Amino acid sequence: MLNKSPGTLKGYFDIEIGRFEYIIEIKKASSLTSGQRDRAVGQISKYLKLSDYKTANFLLLIIGLPEERDSKWVNELERDLKDVPNAKLLFL
């Protein structure tokens, strides 16, 4: 099952797979700013505090050009999420 975030959580995350087994948040590398970084980390932290999501696996998918992989914001997001349980960052 692949869904956008349902009900009262509509718009909180981009993709939900299964019954909250996997949650994917997608960001465009060229649009990342300090505010976007803080928002992404905050969203994942918020989800982990909600009972429905405590066992979820979170993926922050950043899509960008190869030269954007080592940008300041991508590196900071990767560092911020390093210690967040069940959260991973993937750059494509």
N, C-alpha and C. Protein backbone atom coordinates (compact mmCIF):
# COMPACT_ATOMS: atom_id res chain seq x y z
N MET A 1 0.85 -1.17 0.00
CA MET A 1 0.00 0.00 0.00
C MET A 1 0.90 1.24 0.00
N LEU A 2 0.66 2.14 -0.90
CA LEU A 2 1.43 3.37 -1.03
C LEU A 2 0.46 4.53 -0.93
N ASN A 3 0.67 5.40 0.04
CA ASN A 3 -0.27 6.49 0.28
C ASN A 3 0.44 7.80 0.57
N LYS A 4 -0.25 8.89 0.26
CA LYS A 4 0.14 10.19 0.81
C LYS A 4 -0.29 10.14 2.27
N SER A 5 0.26 11.03 3.09
CA SER A 5 -0.11 11.02 4.50
C SER A 5 -1.62 11.20 4.65
N PRO A 6 -2.24 10.36 5.50
CA PRO A 6 -3.69 10.32 5.60
C PRO A 6 -4.28 11.28 6.64
N GLY A 7 -5.59 11.47 6.52
CA GLY A 7 -6.39 12.16 7.53
C GLY A 7 -5.80 13.44 8.07
N THR A 8 -5.72 13.51 9.41
CA THR A 8 -5.23 14.73 10.05
C THR A 8 -3.75 14.94 9.83
N LEU A 9 -3.04 13.92 9.34
CA LEU A 9 -1.62 14.06 9.05
C LEU A 9 -1.37 14.40 7.59
N LYS A 10 -2.43 14.65 6.83
CA LYS A 10 -2.29 14.95 5.41
C LYS A 10 -1.30 16.09 5.20
N GLY A 11 -0.32 15.82 4.35
CA GLY A 11 0.68 16.82 4.05
C GLY A 11 1.89 16.79 4.95
N TYR A 12 1.88 15.97 6.00
CA TYR A 12 3.02 15.93 6.92
C TYR A 12 4.19 15.17 6.34
N PHE A 13 3.93 14.14 5.55
CA PHE A 13 5.01 13.41 4.91
C PHE A 13 4.60 13.10 3.48
N ASP A 14 5.58 12.77 2.65
CA ASP A 14 5.32 12.60 1.23
C ASP A 14 4.75 11.23 0.87
N ILE A 15 5.34 10.16 1.40
CA ILE A 15 4.90 8.82 1.03
C ILE A 15 4.88 7.92 2.26
N GLU A 16 3.84 7.10 2.37
CA GLU A 16 3.74 6.09 3.41
C GLU A 16 3.58 4.76 2.71
N ILE A 17 4.40 3.77 3.09
CA ILE A 17 4.32 2.44 2.50
C ILE A 17 3.95 1.46 3.60
N GLY A 18 2.95 0.64 3.34
CA GLY A 18 2.47 -0.27 4.36
C GLY A 18 1.68 0.52 5.39
N ARG A 19 1.42 -0.07 6.50
CA ARG A 19 0.70 0.62 7.58
C ARG A 19 1.73 1.33 8.45
N PHE A 20 2.25 2.45 7.94
CA PHE A 20 3.26 3.25 8.63
C PHE A 20 4.56 2.47 8.87
N GLU A 21 4.83 1.46 8.02
CA GLU A 21 6.09 0.74 8.14
C GLU A 21 7.24 1.58 7.63
N TYR A 22 7.00 2.26 6.53
CA TYR A 22 8.03 3.11 5.92
C TYR A 22 7.42 4.46 5.57
N ILE A 23 8.12 5.50 5.94
CA ILE A 23 7.69 6.85 5.62
C ILE A 23 8.84 7.53 4.89
N ILE A 24 8.51 8.14 3.76
CA ILE A 24 9.53 8.78 2.93
C ILE A 24 9.21 10.26 2.78
N GLU A 25 10.19 11.06 3.07
CA GLU A 25 10.11 12.51 2.88
C GLU A 25 11.07 12.84 1.74
N ILE A 26 10.61 13.59 0.75
CA ILE A 26 11.43 13.89 -0.43
C ILE A 26 11.74 15.39 -0.46
N LYS A 27 13.01 15.69 -0.70
CA LYS A 27 13.47 17.08 -0.82
C LYS A 27 14.32 17.22 -2.07
N LYS A 28 14.27 18.37 -2.68
CA LYS A 28 15.10 18.69 -3.84
C LYS A 28 16.36 19.38 -3.34
N ALA A 29 17.52 18.86 -3.71
CA ALA A 29 18.79 19.38 -3.20
C ALA A 29 18.95 20.88 -3.46
N SER A 30 18.58 21.32 -4.65
CA SER A 30 18.77 22.73 -4.99
C SER A 30 17.85 23.66 -4.20
N SER A 31 16.83 23.10 -3.55
CA SER A 31 15.91 23.91 -2.75
C SER A 31 16.22 23.89 -1.26
N LEU A 32 17.24 23.11 -0.87
CA LEU A 32 17.56 23.01 0.56
C LEU A 32 18.14 24.32 1.08
N THR A 33 17.63 24.73 2.20
CA THR A 33 18.12 25.90 2.92
C THR A 33 18.20 25.51 4.38
N SER A 34 18.64 26.41 5.20
CA SER A 34 18.67 26.15 6.64
C SER A 34 17.26 25.82 7.14
N GLY A 35 16.27 26.55 6.68
CA GLY A 35 14.88 26.32 7.10
C GLY A 35 14.37 24.96 6.67
N GLN A 36 14.69 24.56 5.42
CA GLN A 36 14.28 23.25 4.93
C GLN A 36 14.94 22.13 5.73
N ARG A 37 16.21 22.33 6.07
CA ARG A 37 16.93 21.33 6.86
C ARG A 37 16.27 21.17 8.22
N ASP A 38 16.02 22.31 8.88
CA ASP A 38 15.39 22.27 10.19
C ASP A 38 14.00 21.63 10.12
N ARG A 39 13.27 21.93 9.06
CA ARG A 39 11.92 21.38 8.89
C ARG A 39 11.97 19.87 8.72
N ALA A 40 12.89 19.38 7.90
CA ALA A 40 13.00 17.93 7.66
C ALA A 40 13.35 17.19 8.94
N VAL A 41 14.33 17.68 9.68
CA VAL A 41 14.72 17.04 10.94
C VAL A 41 13.56 17.13 11.94
N GLY A 42 12.90 18.26 11.99
CA GLY A 42 11.76 18.44 12.89
C GLY A 42 10.61 17.50 12.56
N GLN A 43 10.34 17.33 11.26
CA GLN A 43 9.26 16.43 10.84
C GLN A 43 9.55 15.01 11.31
N ILE A 44 10.75 14.54 11.07
CA ILE A 44 11.09 13.17 11.45
C ILE A 44 11.04 13.00 12.96
N SER A 45 11.57 13.97 13.69
CA SER A 45 11.51 13.91 15.16
C SER A 45 10.07 13.90 15.64
N LYS A 46 9.21 14.70 15.02
CA LYS A 46 7.79 14.76 15.40
C LYS A 46 7.12 13.43 15.14
N TYR A 47 7.36 12.81 13.98
CA TYR A 47 6.75 11.52 13.67
C TYR A 47 7.14 10.47 14.71
N LEU A 48 8.41 10.47 15.10
CA LEU A 48 8.89 9.45 16.03
C LEU A 48 8.25 9.57 17.41
N LYS A 49 7.73 10.74 17.74
CA LYS A 49 7.08 10.93 19.04
C LYS A 49 5.62 10.48 19.02
N LEU A 50 5.03 10.33 17.84
CA LEU A 50 3.64 9.90 17.72
C LEU A 50 3.57 8.39 17.80
N SER A 51 2.63 7.85 18.55
CA SER A 51 2.58 6.41 18.79
C SER A 51 2.46 5.59 17.50
N ASP A 52 1.75 6.09 16.50
CA ASP A 52 1.59 5.33 15.26
C ASP A 52 2.90 5.14 14.52
N TYR A 53 3.88 5.99 14.78
CA TYR A 53 5.10 5.99 13.99
C TYR A 53 6.33 5.49 14.74
N LYS A 54 6.20 5.11 15.99
CA LYS A 54 7.38 4.75 16.78
C LYS A 54 8.17 3.60 16.18
N THR A 55 7.52 2.74 15.43
CA THR A 55 8.24 1.62 14.81
C THR A 55 8.47 1.85 13.32
N ALA A 56 8.14 3.01 12.83
CA ALA A 56 8.31 3.30 11.40
C ALA A 56 9.78 3.47 11.05
N ASN A 57 10.08 3.23 9.80
CA ASN A 57 11.39 3.50 9.25
C ASN A 57 11.27 4.73 8.38
N PHE A 58 12.11 5.71 8.60
CA PHE A 58 12.02 6.97 7.88
C PHE A 58 13.18 7.11 6.91
N LEU A 59 12.84 7.54 5.72
CA LEU A 59 13.84 7.79 4.70
C LEU A 59 13.69 9.23 4.23
N LEU A 60 14.74 9.99 4.35
CA LEU A 60 14.77 11.33 3.77
C LEU A 60 15.48 11.18 2.44
N LEU A 61 14.74 11.31 1.37
CA LEU A 61 15.27 11.16 0.02
C LEU A 61 15.54 12.54 -0.55
N ILE A 62 16.80 12.79 -0.86
CA ILE A 62 17.19 14.07 -1.45
C ILE A 62 17.57 13.80 -2.90
N ILE A 63 16.94 14.52 -3.80
CA ILE A 63 17.17 14.34 -5.22
C ILE A 63 17.94 15.54 -5.74
N GLY A 64 19.05 15.28 -6.42
CA GLY A 64 19.84 16.40 -6.93
C GLY A 64 20.91 15.96 -7.90
N LEU A 65 21.64 16.93 -8.39
CA LEU A 65 22.75 16.70 -9.30
C LEU A 65 23.95 16.18 -8.52
N PRO A 66 24.83 15.43 -9.18
CA PRO A 66 26.00 14.88 -8.46
C PRO A 66 26.79 15.94 -7.70
N GLU A 67 26.95 17.12 -8.27
CA GLU A 67 27.73 18.17 -7.59
C GLU A 67 27.02 18.74 -6.36
N GLU A 68 25.72 18.48 -6.22
CA GLU A 68 24.99 18.95 -5.05
C GLU A 68 25.13 17.99 -3.86
N ARG A 69 25.66 16.80 -4.11
CA ARG A 69 25.79 15.79 -3.05
C ARG A 69 26.59 16.28 -1.86
N ASP A 70 27.63 17.07 -2.11
CA ASP A 70 28.49 17.54 -1.03
C ASP A 70 28.17 18.96 -0.60
N SER A 71 26.95 19.39 -0.84
CA SER A 71 26.58 20.75 -0.42
C SER A 71 26.49 20.83 1.10
N LYS A 72 26.61 22.03 1.59
CA LYS A 72 26.55 22.29 3.03
C LYS A 72 25.28 21.71 3.65
N TRP A 73 24.13 21.95 3.00
CA TRP A 73 22.84 21.55 3.60
C TRP A 73 22.67 20.04 3.60
N VAL A 74 23.12 19.37 2.54
CA VAL A 74 23.02 17.90 2.50
C VAL A 74 23.90 17.31 3.60
N ASN A 75 25.12 17.81 3.72
CA ASN A 75 26.03 17.31 4.76
C ASN A 75 25.48 17.56 6.16
N GLU A 76 24.88 18.72 6.38
CA GLU A 76 24.31 19.02 7.70
C GLU A 76 23.11 18.12 7.99
N LEU A 77 22.27 17.88 6.99
CA LEU A 77 21.13 16.98 7.19
C LEU A 77 21.61 15.57 7.52
N GLU A 78 22.60 15.12 6.81
CA GLU A 78 23.16 13.80 7.07
C GLU A 78 23.69 13.70 8.49
N ARG A 79 24.38 14.73 8.93
CA ARG A 79 24.92 14.76 10.28
C ARG A 79 23.79 14.82 11.32
N ASP A 80 22.77 15.63 11.06
CA ASP A 80 21.65 15.76 11.99
C ASP A 80 20.89 14.46 12.17
N LEU A 81 20.77 13.68 11.10
CA LEU A 81 19.98 12.45 11.16
C LEU A 81 20.79 11.25 11.62
N LYS A 82 22.08 11.40 11.71
CA LYS A 82 22.95 10.27 12.05
C LYS A 82 22.54 9.58 13.34
N ASP A 83 22.13 10.35 14.34
CA ASP A 83 21.79 9.78 15.64
C ASP A 83 20.28 9.60 15.85
N VAL A 84 19.48 9.80 14.82
CA VAL A 84 18.04 9.62 14.94
C VAL A 84 17.72 8.16 14.62
N PRO A 85 17.16 7.43 15.59
CA PRO A 85 16.87 6.01 15.34
C PRO A 85 15.87 5.85 14.20
N ASN A 86 16.05 4.82 13.41
CA ASN A 86 15.15 4.46 12.31
C ASN A 86 15.07 5.52 11.21
N ALA A 87 16.03 6.42 11.12
CA ALA A 87 16.01 7.43 10.08
C ALA A 87 17.28 7.34 9.23
N LYS A 88 17.09 7.41 7.93
CA LYS A 88 18.21 7.34 6.99
C LYS A 88 18.06 8.45 5.97
N LEU A 89 19.18 8.85 5.40
CA LEU A 89 19.19 9.82 4.32
C LEU A 89 19.76 9.13 3.08
N LEU A 90 19.10 9.33 1.96
CA LEU A 90 19.57 8.77 0.70
C LEU A 90 19.60 9.91 -0.32
N PHE A 91 20.71 10.04 -1.02
CA PHE A 91 20.85 11.07 -2.06
C PHE A 91 20.83 10.38 -3.41
N LEU A 92 19.94 10.83 -4.27
CA LEU A 92 19.88 10.33 -5.65
C LEU A 92 20.07 11.47 -6.62
